[in-house]
């Protein structure tokens, strides 16, 4: 997300898409605000870092990167940010990429220490690897001037960034339905991001890779 691209004509984005984007943006900001307590009060021992032996300092790094990606990524699909000789999209995109890489690298370090065992470690570890990989592909594409491919990769990256949101939608649902937490948490380690990535691929097929949102 680091280059100028032509905005869609006025009114080209359907209102349902705009509303969905707004809801997602608000959810991202809400999750970022909730997670900020780890940044204001960094864990000092594993017991304060989800009992993860690698939680200090990597949970802080993971949250800092993810919060950066959530907040900045929420606005990267706004056409107005891609206008001008040096559009905000370019500079925001660089910070977004750094947030994804920092969050993903720290997440990969944290994954083996998950208290939910090897299944959850595999789910979160796979997410971390793919998150970094697709974001780097998007960055590489824009550096080479392949803007359409850049958009496709960054839509995938954003879908994986949204795992932070879907994870926190699933967890209250599990508790509200009084489901056994540990087995479902292991399932959520995959459910938090696999459906997101599938939805992104379906969206890309439907739009021909021009998927955009916002106003």
C-alpha atoms as a PDB file:
ATOM      1  CA  UNK A   1       0.000   0.000   0.000  1.00  0.00           C
ATOM      2  CA  UNK A   2       2.654   2.447  -0.921  1.00  0.00           C
ATOM      3  CA  UNK A   3       1.804   3.853  -4.322  1.00  0.00           C
ATOM      4  CA  UNK A   4      -0.644   6.175  -6.021  1.00  0.00           C
ATOM      5  CA  UNK A   5      -3.543   4.450  -7.730  1.00  0.00           C
ATOM      6  CA  UNK A   6      -6.424   5.986  -9.632  1.00  0.00           C
ATOM      7  CA  UNK A   7      -9.563   6.435  -7.502  1.00  0.00           C
ATOM      8  CA  UNK A   8     -12.830   4.916  -8.502  1.00  0.00           C
ATOM      9  CA  UNK A   9     -15.357   7.252 -10.122  1.00  0.00           C
ATOM     10  CA  UNK A  10     -17.715   8.968  -7.725  1.00  0.00           C
ATOM     11  CA  UNK A  11     -20.414   6.593  -6.544  1.00  0.00           C
ATOM     12  CA  UNK A  12     -18.597   3.527  -7.915  1.00  0.00           C
ATOM     13  CA  UNK A  13     -18.484   1.854  -4.498  1.00  0.00           C
ATOM     14  CA  UNK A  14     -21.921   0.455  -3.554  1.00  0.00           C
ATOM     15  CA  UNK A  15     -23.409   1.684  -0.296  1.00  0.00           C
ATOM     16  CA  UNK A  16     -23.573  -1.815   1.275  1.00  0.00           C
ATOM     17  CA  UNK A  17     -19.816  -2.099   0.750  1.00  0.00           C
ATOM     18  CA  UNK A  18     -19.252   1.320   2.296  1.00  0.00           C
ATOM     19  CA  UNK A  19     -21.390   0.415   5.301  1.00  0.00           C
ATOM     20  CA  UNK A  20     -19.552  -2.897   5.723  1.00  0.00           C
ATOM     21  CA  UNK A  21     -16.228  -1.054   5.537  1.00  0.00           C
ATOM     22  CA  UNK A  22     -17.399   1.441   8.171  1.00  0.00           C
ATOM     23  CA  UNK A  23     -18.469  -1.363  10.516  1.00  0.00           C
ATOM     24  CA  UNK A  24     -15.116  -3.105  10.064  1.00  0.00           C
ATOM     25  CA  UNK A  25     -13.243   0.144  10.662  1.00  0.00           C
ATOM     26  CA  UNK A  26     -15.157   0.761  13.896  1.00  0.00           C
ATOM     27  CA  UNK A  27     -14.510  -2.815  15.042  1.00  0.00           C
ATOM     28  CA  UNK A  28     -10.806  -2.408  14.295  1.00  0.00           C
ATOM     29  CA  UNK A  29     -10.614   0.805  16.275  1.00  0.00           C
ATOM     30  CA  UNK A  30     -12.495  -0.798  19.152  1.00  0.00           C
ATOM     31  CA  UNK A  31     -10.194  -3.832  19.255  1.00  0.00           C
ATOM     32  CA  UNK A  32      -7.144  -1.570  19.007  1.00  0.00           C
ATOM     33  CA  UNK A  33      -8.431   0.480  21.953  1.00  0.00           C
ATOM     34  CA  UNK A  34      -9.080  -2.682  23.964  1.00  0.00           C
ATOM     35  CA  UNK A  35      -5.618  -4.104  23.228  1.00  0.00           C
ATOM     36  CA  UNK A  36      -3.896  -0.840  24.113  1.00  0.00           C
ATOM     37  CA  UNK A  37      -3.823  -1.809  27.797  1.00  0.00           C
ATOM     38  CA  UNK A  38      -0.952  -4.167  26.950  1.00  0.00           C
ATOM     39  CA  UNK A  39       0.928  -1.155  25.608  1.00  0.00           C
ATOM     40  CA  UNK A  40       0.109   1.123  28.527  1.00  0.00           C
ATOM     41  CA  UNK A  41       0.879  -1.597  31.072  1.00  0.00           C
ATOM     42  CA  UNK A  42       3.341  -4.036  29.433  1.00  0.00           C
ATOM     43  CA  UNK A  43       3.434  -7.497  31.024  1.00  0.00           C
ATOM     44  CA  UNK A  44       6.466  -8.061  33.206  1.00  0.00           C
ATOM     45  CA  UNK A  45       6.169 -11.814  33.644  1.00  0.00           C
ATOM     46  CA  UNK A  46       4.625 -14.703  31.681  1.00  0.00           C
ATOM     47  CA  UNK A  47       1.637 -14.896  34.035  1.00  0.00           C
ATOM     48  CA  UNK A  48       0.682 -11.388  32.875  1.00  0.00           C
ATOM     49  CA  UNK A  49       1.263 -12.318  29.221  1.00  0.00           C
ATOM     50  CA  UNK A  50      -1.353 -15.039  28.746  1.00  0.00           C
ATOM     51  CA  UNK A  51       0.984 -17.458  30.571  1.00  0.00           C
ATOM     52  CA  UNK A  52       3.172 -17.599  27.483  1.00  0.00           C
ATOM     53  CA  UNK A  53       6.849 -18.283  28.317  1.00  0.00           C
ATOM     54  CA  UNK A  54       7.838 -15.949  25.462  1.00  0.00           C
ATOM     55  CA  UNK A  55       5.285 -13.347  26.445  1.00  0.00           C
ATOM     56  CA  UNK A  56       7.858 -10.888  27.748  1.00  0.00           C
ATOM     57  CA  UNK A  57       8.610  -8.848  25.674  1.00  0.00           C
ATOM     58  CA  UNK A  58       7.042 -10.410  22.578  1.00  0.00           C
ATOM     59  CA  UNK A  59       3.401  -9.933  23.504  1.00  0.00           C
ATOM     60  CA  UNK A  60       4.049  -6.191  23.711  1.00  0.00           C
ATOM     61  CA  UNK A  61       5.714  -6.231  20.261  1.00  0.00           C
ATOM     62  CA  UNK A  62       2.892  -8.327  18.786  1.00  0.00           C
ATOM     63  CA  UNK A  63       0.177  -6.038  20.151  1.00  0.00           C
ATOM     64  CA  UNK A  64       2.033  -2.885  19.075  1.00  0.00           C
ATOM     65  CA  UNK A  65       2.379  -4.194  15.524  1.00  0.00           C
ATOM     66  CA  UNK A  66      -1.180  -5.489  15.319  1.00  0.00           C
ATOM     67  CA  UNK A  67      -2.681  -2.287  16.728  1.00  0.00           C
ATOM     68  CA  UNK A  68      -0.693  -0.245  14.203  1.00  0.00           C
ATOM     69  CA  UNK A  69      -1.910  -2.451  11.349  1.00  0.00           C
ATOM     70  CA  UNK A  70      -5.524  -2.399  12.545  1.00  0.00           C
ATOM     71  CA  UNK A  71      -5.717   1.364  12.922  1.00  0.00           C
ATOM     72  CA  UNK A  72      -3.838   2.329   9.763  1.00  0.00           C
ATOM     73  CA  UNK A  73      -5.209  -0.471   7.597  1.00  0.00           C
ATOM     74  CA  UNK A  74      -8.752   0.662   8.364  1.00  0.00           C
ATOM     75  CA  UNK A  75      -8.201   3.732   6.190  1.00  0.00           C
ATOM     76  CA  UNK A  76      -5.980   2.384   3.418  1.00  0.00           C
ATOM     77  CA  UNK A  77      -8.838   1.582   1.048  1.00  0.00           C
ATOM     78  CA  UNK A  78     -10.156   5.153   0.981  1.00  0.00           C
ATOM     79  CA  UNK A  79      -9.640   6.450  -2.584  1.00  0.00           C
ATOM     80  CA  UNK A  80      -9.119  10.005  -1.375  1.00  0.00           C
ATOM     81  CA  UNK A  81      -5.942   8.926   0.442  1.00  0.00           C
ATOM     82  CA  UNK A  82      -4.429   7.790  -2.863  1.00  0.00           C
ATOM     83  CA  UNK A  83      -4.677  11.177  -4.571  1.00  0.00           C
ATOM     84  CA  UNK A  84      -1.907  13.685  -5.135  1.00  0.00           C
ATOM     85  CA  UNK A  85       1.782  13.610  -5.955  1.00  0.00           C
ATOM     86  CA  UNK A  86       2.697  12.236  -2.509  1.00  0.00           C
ATOM     87  CA  UNK A  87      -0.529  10.673  -1.231  1.00  0.00           C
ATOM     88  CA  UNK A  88      -1.034   9.815   2.460  1.00  0.00           C
ATOM     89  CA  UNK A  89      -1.711   6.232   1.328  1.00  0.00           C
ATOM     90  CA  UNK A  90       1.972   5.827   0.493  1.00  0.00           C
ATOM     91  CA  UNK A  91       3.269   6.838   3.909  1.00  0.00           C
ATOM     92  CA  UNK A  92       0.504   5.174   5.881  1.00  0.00           C
ATOM     93  CA  UNK A  93       1.126   2.016   3.861  1.00  0.00           C
ATOM     94  CA  UNK A  94       4.762   1.871   4.875  1.00  0.00           C
ATOM     95  CA  UNK A  95       3.795   2.032   8.531  1.00  0.00           C
ATOM     96  CA  UNK A  96       1.098  -0.584   7.936  1.00  0.00           C
ATOM     97  CA  UNK A  97       3.673  -2.960   6.444  1.00  0.00           C
ATOM     98  CA  UNK A  98       6.004  -2.424   9.401  1.00  0.00           C
ATOM     99  CA  UNK A  99       3.114  -3.099  11.789  1.00  0.00           C
ATOM    100  CA  UNK A 100       2.234  -6.352  10.013  1.00  0.00           C
ATOM    101  CA  UNK A 101       5.834  -7.543   9.983  1.00  0.00           C
ATOM    102  CA  UNK A 102       6.429  -6.677  13.638  1.00  0.00           C
ATOM    103  CA  UNK A 103       3.119  -8.221  14.717  1.00  0.00           C
ATOM    104  CA  UNK A 104       3.643 -11.306  12.583  1.00  0.00           C
ATOM    105  CA  UNK A 105       7.233 -11.931  13.673  1.00  0.00           C
ATOM    106  CA  UNK A 106       6.322 -11.573  17.342  1.00  0.00           C
ATOM    107  CA  UNK A 107       3.225 -13.745  16.806  1.00  0.00           C
ATOM    108  CA  UNK A 108       5.395 -16.482  15.317  1.00  0.00           C
ATOM    109  CA  UNK A 109       7.641 -16.387  18.389  1.00  0.00           C
ATOM    110  CA  UNK A 110       4.612 -16.490  20.702  1.00  0.00           C
ATOM    111  CA  UNK A 111       2.759 -19.299  18.886  1.00  0.00           C
ATOM    112  CA  UNK A 112       4.755 -22.293  20.258  1.00  0.00           C
ATOM    113  CA  UNK A 113       4.141 -21.056  23.796  1.00  0.00           C
ATOM    114  CA  UNK A 114       0.348 -21.077  23.494  1.00  0.00           C
ATOM    115  CA  UNK A 115      -1.239 -22.577  26.607  1.00  0.00           C
ATOM    116  CA  UNK A 116      -3.822 -24.248  24.336  1.00  0.00           C
ATOM    117  CA  UNK A 117      -1.226 -26.673  22.966  1.00  0.00           C
ATOM    118  CA  UNK A 118       0.188 -27.609  19.565  1.00  0.00           C
ATOM    119  CA  UNK A 119      -3.047 -27.239  17.572  1.00  0.00           C
ATOM    120  CA  UNK A 120      -3.450 -23.610  18.619  1.00  0.00           C
ATOM    121  CA  UNK A 121       0.275 -23.086  18.092  1.00  0.00           C
ATOM    122  CA  UNK A 122      -0.093 -24.373  14.526  1.00  0.00           C
ATOM    123  CA  UNK A 123      -3.108 -22.146  13.873  1.00  0.00           C
ATOM    124  CA  UNK A 124      -1.576 -18.948  15.176  1.00  0.00           C
ATOM    125  CA  UNK A 125       1.838 -19.775  13.769  1.00  0.00           C
ATOM    126  CA  UNK A 126       0.380 -20.327  10.298  1.00  0.00           C
ATOM    127  CA  UNK A 127      -1.445 -17.026  10.555  1.00  0.00           C
ATOM    128  CA  UNK A 128       1.777 -15.225  11.482  1.00  0.00           C
ATOM    129  CA  UNK A 129       3.702 -16.714   8.558  1.00  0.00           C
ATOM    130  CA  UNK A 130       0.992 -15.992   5.990  1.00  0.00           C
ATOM    131  CA  UNK A 131       0.403 -12.499   7.355  1.00  0.00           C
ATOM    132  CA  UNK A 132       4.040 -11.587   6.844  1.00  0.00           C
ATOM    133  CA  UNK A 133       4.306 -13.404   3.500  1.00  0.00           C
ATOM    134  CA  UNK A 134       1.323 -11.795   1.770  1.00  0.00           C
ATOM    135  CA  UNK A 135       2.213  -8.347   3.144  1.00  0.00           C
ATOM    136  CA  UNK A 136       5.749  -8.675   1.792  1.00  0.00           C
ATOM    137  CA  UNK A 137       4.345  -9.798  -1.565  1.00  0.00           C
ATOM    138  CA  UNK A 138       2.196  -6.673  -1.659  1.00  0.00           C
ATOM    139  CA  UNK A 139       5.153  -4.459  -0.778  1.00  0.00           C
ATOM    140  CA  UNK A 140       7.312  -6.148  -3.414  1.00  0.00           C
ATOM    141  CA  UNK A 141       4.618  -5.740  -6.069  1.00  0.00           C
ATOM    142  CA  UNK A 142       4.266  -2.010  -5.520  1.00  0.00           C
ATOM    143  CA  UNK A 143       8.027  -1.524  -5.496  1.00  0.00           C
ATOM    144  CA  UNK A 144       8.055  -3.100  -8.954  1.00  0.00           C
ATOM    145  CA  UNK A 145       5.160  -0.974 -10.199  1.00  0.00           C
ATOM    146  CA  UNK A 146       2.650  -3.837 -10.335  1.00  0.00           C
ATOM    147  CA  UNK A 147      -0.177  -1.850  -8.761  1.00  0.00           C
ATOM    148  CA  UNK A 148      -3.097  -4.180  -9.536  1.00  0.00           C
ATOM    149  CA  UNK A 149      -1.217  -7.118  -8.044  1.00  0.00           C
ATOM    150  CA  UNK A 150      -0.249  -4.926  -5.101  1.00  0.00           C
ATOM    151  CA  UNK A 151      -3.940  -4.270  -4.359  1.00  0.00           C
ATOM    152  CA  UNK A 152      -4.749  -7.972  -4.505  1.00  0.00           C
ATOM    153  CA  UNK A 153      -1.994  -8.905  -2.070  1.00  0.00           C
ATOM    154  CA  UNK A 154      -2.903  -6.107   0.310  1.00  0.00           C
ATOM    155  CA  UNK A 155      -6.540  -7.162   0.379  1.00  0.00           C
ATOM    156  CA  UNK A 156      -5.298 -10.582   1.466  1.00  0.00           C
ATOM    157  CA  UNK A 157      -3.049  -8.939   4.045  1.00  0.00           C
ATOM    158  CA  UNK A 158      -5.980  -6.928   5.384  1.00  0.00           C
ATOM    159  CA  UNK A 159      -8.107 -10.080   5.632  1.00  0.00           C
ATOM    160  CA  UNK A 160      -5.418 -11.627   7.830  1.00  0.00           C
ATOM    161  CA  UNK A 161      -5.059  -8.458   9.885  1.00  0.00           C
ATOM    162  CA  UNK A 162      -8.783  -8.743  10.595  1.00  0.00           C
ATOM    163  CA  UNK A 163      -8.105 -12.026  12.404  1.00  0.00           C
ATOM    164  CA  UNK A 164      -7.634  -9.821  15.478  1.00  0.00           C
ATOM    165  CA  UNK A 165     -11.270  -8.772  15.110  1.00  0.00           C
ATOM    166  CA  UNK A 166     -12.821 -12.137  14.251  1.00  0.00           C
ATOM    167  CA  UNK A 167     -10.925 -13.799  17.109  1.00  0.00           C
ATOM    168  CA  UNK A 168     -12.563 -11.418  19.559  1.00  0.00           C
ATOM    169  CA  UNK A 169     -15.972 -11.948  18.019  1.00  0.00           C
ATOM    170  CA  UNK A 170     -15.717 -15.718  18.399  1.00  0.00           C
ATOM    171  CA  UNK A 171     -14.514 -15.766  22.000  1.00  0.00           C
ATOM    172  CA  UNK A 172     -17.549 -13.994  23.560  1.00  0.00           C
ATOM    173  CA  UNK A 173     -19.811 -16.191  21.433  1.00  0.00           C
ATOM    174  CA  UNK A 174     -18.183 -19.335  22.836  1.00  0.00           C
ATOM    175  CA  UNK A 175     -18.686 -18.056  26.370  1.00  0.00           C
ATOM    176  CA  UNK A 176     -22.257 -16.898  25.714  1.00  0.00           C
ATOM    177  CA  UNK A 177     -23.187 -20.335  24.353  1.00  0.00           C
ATOM    178  CA  UNK A 178     -21.413 -22.022  27.270  1.00  0.00           C
ATOM    179  CA  UNK A 179     -19.268 -24.114  24.935  1.00  0.00           C
ATOM    180  CA  UNK A 180     -16.142 -25.927  26.156  1.00  0.00           C
ATOM    181  CA  UNK A 181     -13.508 -23.229  25.918  1.00  0.00           C
ATOM    182  CA  UNK A 182     -10.273 -25.090  25.212  1.00  0.00           C
ATOM    183  CA  UNK A 183     -11.430 -27.186  22.215  1.00  0.00           C
ATOM    184  CA  UNK A 184     -13.138 -24.180  20.688  1.00  0.00           C
ATOM    185  CA  UNK A 185     -10.140 -21.953  21.297  1.00  0.00           C
ATOM    186  CA  UNK A 186      -8.038 -24.425  19.341  1.00  0.00           C
ATOM    187  CA  UNK A 187     -10.570 -24.315  16.515  1.00  0.00           C
ATOM    188  CA  UNK A 188     -10.660 -20.516  16.631  1.00  0.00           C
ATOM    189  CA  UNK A 189      -6.898 -20.416  16.090  1.00  0.00           C
ATOM    190  CA  UNK A 190      -7.808 -21.385  12.503  1.00  0.00           C
ATOM    191  CA  UNK A 191     -11.361 -20.016  12.267  1.00  0.00           C
ATOM    192  CA  UNK A 192     -10.123 -16.519  13.101  1.00  0.00           C
ATOM    193  CA  UNK A 193      -8.309 -16.218   9.782  1.00  0.00           C
ATOM    194  CA  UNK A 194      -9.075 -19.031   7.295  1.00  0.00           C
ATOM    195  CA  UNK A 195     -12.646 -17.814   6.520  1.00  0.00           C
ATOM    196  CA  UNK A 196     -11.285 -14.251   6.231  1.00  0.00           C
ATOM    197  CA  UNK A 197      -8.793 -15.336   3.596  1.00  0.00           C
ATOM    198  CA  UNK A 198     -11.454 -17.321   1.722  1.00  0.00           C
ATOM    199  CA  UNK A 199     -13.757 -14.276   1.776  1.00  0.00           C
ATOM    200  CA  UNK A 200     -10.939 -12.117   0.401  1.00  0.00           C
ATOM    201  CA  UNK A 201     -10.324 -14.542  -2.455  1.00  0.00           C
ATOM    202  CA  UNK A 202     -14.028 -14.621  -3.299  1.00  0.00           C
ATOM    203  CA  UNK A 203     -14.119 -10.826  -3.238  1.00  0.00           C
ATOM    204  CA  UNK A 204     -11.110 -10.630  -5.540  1.00  0.00           C
ATOM    205  CA  UNK A 205     -12.731 -13.024  -8.013  1.00  0.00           C
ATOM    206  CA  UNK A 206     -15.938 -11.023  -7.959  1.00  0.00           C
ATOM    207  CA  UNK A 207     -14.243  -7.649  -8.465  1.00  0.00           C
ATOM    208  CA  UNK A 208     -11.410  -8.789 -10.661  1.00  0.00           C
ATOM    209  CA  UNK A 209      -8.840  -7.603  -8.103  1.00  0.00           C
ATOM    210  CA  UNK A 210     -10.196  -4.048  -7.926  1.00  0.00           C
ATOM    211  CA  UNK A 211     -11.700  -4.519  -4.462  1.00  0.00           C
ATOM    212  CA  UNK A 212     -11.960  -1.115  -2.791  1.00  0.00           C
ATOM    213  CA  UNK A 213     -14.111   0.346  -0.060  1.00  0.00           C
ATOM    214  CA  UNK A 214     -14.780   3.589   1.651  1.00  0.00           C
ATOM    215  CA  UNK A 215     -16.001   6.896   0.332  1.00  0.00           C
END
